[in-house]
């Protein structure tokens, strides 16, 4: 996981602001989390869809905390 160390902070911030929040009204990831909490995710695509949107946030938090070391 050393690739996280070698990437600039700006890359993760840009990924979070673009892919992590897209589409923007309301943020798709937030909408999917609300649907998950209400038990509305039924199809396999509903479970896969949040993954690409959550990945930038996970990477940003890993870079911030350094927990992979």
N, C-alpha and C. Protein backbone atom coordinates (compact mmCIF):
# COMPACT_ATOMS: atom_id res chain seq x y z
N UNK A 1 0.80 -1.20 0.00
CA UNK A 1 0.00 0.00 0.00
C UNK A 1 0.85 1.27 0.00
N UNK A 2 2.08 1.16 -0.38
CA UNK A 2 2.94 2.33 -0.41
C UNK A 2 2.55 3.30 -1.52
N UNK A 3 1.74 2.83 -2.47
CA UNK A 3 1.32 3.74 -3.54
C UNK A 3 0.54 4.92 -2.99
N UNK A 4 -0.14 4.73 -1.85
CA UNK A 4 -0.88 5.83 -1.23
C UNK A 4 0.09 6.91 -0.76
N UNK A 5 1.24 6.51 -0.22
CA UNK A 5 2.25 7.47 0.23
C UNK A 5 2.79 8.32 -0.91
N UNK A 6 2.91 7.72 -2.09
CA UNK A 6 3.54 8.40 -3.21
C UNK A 6 2.58 9.30 -3.99
N UNK A 7 1.32 9.24 -3.69
CA UNK A 7 0.34 10.08 -4.39
C UNK A 7 0.14 11.39 -3.63
N UNK A 8 -0.05 12.47 -4.38
CA UNK A 8 -0.27 13.76 -3.71
C UNK A 8 -1.67 13.85 -3.09
N UNK A 9 -1.78 14.65 -2.05
CA UNK A 9 -3.06 14.87 -1.39
C UNK A 9 -4.11 15.39 -2.36
N UNK A 10 -3.69 16.25 -3.28
CA UNK A 10 -4.64 16.87 -4.21
C UNK A 10 -5.35 15.81 -5.05
N UNK A 11 -4.68 14.74 -5.40
CA UNK A 11 -5.31 13.68 -6.19
C UNK A 11 -6.50 13.09 -5.44
N UNK A 12 -6.32 12.79 -4.17
CA UNK A 12 -7.40 12.19 -3.39
C UNK A 12 -8.53 13.18 -3.16
N UNK A 13 -8.20 14.43 -2.95
CA UNK A 13 -9.23 15.45 -2.75
C UNK A 13 -10.05 15.63 -4.03
N UNK A 14 -9.37 15.70 -5.17
CA UNK A 14 -10.08 15.85 -6.45
C UNK A 14 -10.96 14.63 -6.72
N UNK A 15 -10.45 13.43 -6.45
CA UNK A 15 -11.26 12.22 -6.64
C UNK A 15 -12.50 12.24 -5.75
N UNK A 16 -12.34 12.68 -4.51
CA UNK A 16 -13.49 12.74 -3.60
C UNK A 16 -14.52 13.75 -4.07
N UNK A 17 -14.07 14.88 -4.57
CA UNK A 17 -14.99 15.92 -5.01
C UNK A 17 -15.67 15.61 -6.33
N UNK A 18 -15.05 14.77 -7.15
CA UNK A 18 -15.65 14.43 -8.45
C UNK A 18 -16.38 13.09 -8.37
N UNK A 19 -15.64 12.00 -8.34
CA UNK A 19 -16.25 10.68 -8.32
C UNK A 19 -16.95 10.39 -6.99
N UNK A 20 -16.38 10.86 -5.91
CA UNK A 20 -16.95 10.57 -4.60
C UNK A 20 -18.30 11.21 -4.35
N UNK A 21 -18.57 12.33 -4.98
CA UNK A 21 -19.85 13.02 -4.78
C UNK A 21 -20.79 12.97 -5.98
N UNK A 22 -20.31 12.52 -7.13
CA UNK A 22 -21.13 12.53 -8.35
C UNK A 22 -22.28 11.55 -8.26
N UNK A 23 -23.43 11.81 -8.82
CA UNK A 23 -23.99 13.09 -9.19
C UNK A 23 -24.22 13.95 -7.96
N UNK A 24 -24.23 15.23 -8.15
CA UNK A 24 -24.07 16.17 -7.03
C UNK A 24 -25.34 16.57 -6.29
N UNK A 25 -26.51 16.34 -6.84
CA UNK A 25 -27.71 16.82 -6.18
C UNK A 25 -28.74 15.73 -6.07
N UNK A 26 -28.91 15.03 -5.00
CA UNK A 26 -28.07 14.96 -3.81
C UNK A 26 -26.84 14.11 -4.10
N UNK A 27 -25.80 14.19 -3.27
CA UNK A 27 -24.64 13.34 -3.49
C UNK A 27 -25.05 11.86 -3.53
N UNK A 28 -24.63 11.18 -4.57
CA UNK A 28 -25.08 9.81 -4.82
C UNK A 28 -24.68 8.87 -3.68
N UNK A 29 -23.48 9.03 -3.16
CA UNK A 29 -23.04 8.16 -2.08
C UNK A 29 -23.94 8.33 -0.85
N UNK A 30 -24.28 9.55 -0.53
CA UNK A 30 -25.16 9.81 0.62
C UNK A 30 -26.53 9.17 0.37
N UNK A 31 -27.04 9.33 -0.83
CA UNK A 31 -28.33 8.76 -1.19
C UNK A 31 -28.30 7.23 -1.06
N UNK A 32 -27.20 6.61 -1.49
CA UNK A 32 -27.08 5.16 -1.38
C UNK A 32 -26.96 4.71 0.07
N UNK A 33 -26.28 5.49 0.91
CA UNK A 33 -26.18 5.14 2.32
C UNK A 33 -27.53 5.22 3.02
N UNK A 34 -28.33 6.21 2.65
CA UNK A 34 -29.69 6.33 3.21
C UNK A 34 -30.53 5.14 2.77
N UNK A 35 -30.42 4.78 1.49
CA UNK A 35 -31.17 3.62 0.98
C UNK A 35 -30.73 2.34 1.69
N UNK A 36 -29.44 2.21 1.95
CA UNK A 36 -28.92 1.04 2.65
C UNK A 36 -29.48 0.96 4.07
N UNK A 37 -29.52 2.11 4.75
CA UNK A 37 -30.03 2.12 6.12
C UNK A 37 -31.52 1.79 6.18
N UNK A 38 -32.24 2.08 5.11
CA UNK A 38 -33.67 1.79 5.06
C UNK A 38 -33.97 0.40 4.49
N UNK A 39 -32.93 -0.32 4.06
CA UNK A 39 -33.12 -1.65 3.51
C UNK A 39 -33.70 -1.66 2.12
N UNK A 40 -33.44 -0.61 1.34
CA UNK A 40 -34.02 -0.49 0.01
C UNK A 40 -33.10 -1.03 -1.09
N UNK A 41 -31.91 -1.47 -0.75
CA UNK A 41 -30.99 -2.00 -1.76
C UNK A 41 -31.28 -3.48 -1.95
N UNK A 42 -31.80 -3.83 -3.10
CA UNK A 42 -32.24 -5.20 -3.35
C UNK A 42 -31.40 -5.90 -4.43
N UNK A 43 -31.10 -5.21 -5.52
CA UNK A 43 -30.41 -5.82 -6.65
C UNK A 43 -28.90 -5.83 -6.42
N UNK A 44 -28.19 -6.75 -7.06
CA UNK A 44 -26.72 -6.75 -6.93
C UNK A 44 -26.07 -5.45 -7.38
N UNK A 45 -26.60 -4.81 -8.40
CA UNK A 45 -26.02 -3.54 -8.86
C UNK A 45 -26.18 -2.47 -7.79
N UNK A 46 -27.23 -2.54 -7.00
CA UNK A 46 -27.42 -1.59 -5.91
C UNK A 46 -26.32 -1.72 -4.86
N UNK A 47 -25.80 -2.93 -4.67
CA UNK A 47 -24.73 -3.14 -3.70
C UNK A 47 -23.38 -2.78 -4.29
N UNK A 48 -23.20 -2.94 -5.59
CA UNK A 48 -21.92 -2.60 -6.22
C UNK A 48 -21.78 -1.11 -6.45
N UNK A 49 -22.85 -0.43 -6.74
CA UNK A 49 -22.80 0.99 -7.14
C UNK A 49 -22.12 1.89 -6.11
N UNK A 50 -22.31 1.74 -4.82
CA UNK A 50 -21.61 2.63 -3.87
C UNK A 50 -20.10 2.43 -3.83
N UNK A 51 -19.62 1.28 -4.26
CA UNK A 51 -18.17 0.99 -4.17
C UNK A 51 -17.30 2.00 -4.91
N UNK A 52 -17.57 2.30 -6.19
CA UNK A 52 -16.72 3.29 -6.86
C UNK A 52 -16.83 4.69 -6.25
N UNK A 53 -17.98 5.00 -5.68
CA UNK A 53 -18.16 6.32 -5.08
C UNK A 53 -17.50 6.42 -3.71
N UNK A 54 -17.40 5.31 -3.01
CA UNK A 54 -16.80 5.30 -1.67
C UNK A 54 -15.29 5.13 -1.69
N UNK A 55 -14.75 4.56 -2.76
CA UNK A 55 -13.31 4.28 -2.82
C UNK A 55 -12.44 5.52 -2.62
N UNK A 56 -12.72 6.66 -3.27
CA UNK A 56 -11.88 7.84 -3.01
C UNK A 56 -11.90 8.28 -1.56
N UNK A 57 -13.03 8.17 -0.89
CA UNK A 57 -13.13 8.56 0.51
C UNK A 57 -12.32 7.62 1.40
N UNK A 58 -12.36 6.34 1.09
CA UNK A 58 -11.58 5.36 1.86
C UNK A 58 -10.09 5.62 1.67
N UNK A 59 -9.67 5.86 0.42
CA UNK A 59 -8.25 6.14 0.16
C UNK A 59 -7.80 7.42 0.86
N UNK A 60 -8.64 8.45 0.84
CA UNK A 60 -8.30 9.69 1.51
C UNK A 60 -8.15 9.47 3.02
N UNK A 61 -9.05 8.71 3.60
CA UNK A 61 -8.95 8.46 5.04
C UNK A 61 -7.74 7.60 5.37
N UNK A 62 -7.38 6.66 4.50
CA UNK A 62 -6.17 5.86 4.71
C UNK A 62 -4.93 6.73 4.65
N UNK A 63 -4.89 7.65 3.70
CA UNK A 63 -3.73 8.55 3.59
C UNK A 63 -3.66 9.45 4.83
N UNK A 64 -4.78 9.91 5.28
CA UNK A 64 -4.82 10.82 6.43
C UNK A 64 -4.36 10.13 7.71
N UNK A 65 -4.86 8.92 7.94
CA UNK A 65 -4.57 8.24 9.19
C UNK A 65 -3.29 7.41 9.15
N UNK A 66 -2.90 6.96 7.97
CA UNK A 66 -1.72 6.13 7.85
C UNK A 66 -1.89 4.76 8.49
N UNK A 67 -3.13 4.24 8.48
CA UNK A 67 -3.42 2.97 9.15
C UNK A 67 -2.93 1.75 8.38
N UNK A 68 -2.52 1.89 7.13
CA UNK A 68 -2.07 0.74 6.37
C UNK A 68 -0.65 0.33 6.73
N UNK A 69 0.06 1.14 7.47
CA UNK A 69 1.46 0.84 7.80
C UNK A 69 1.57 -0.21 8.84
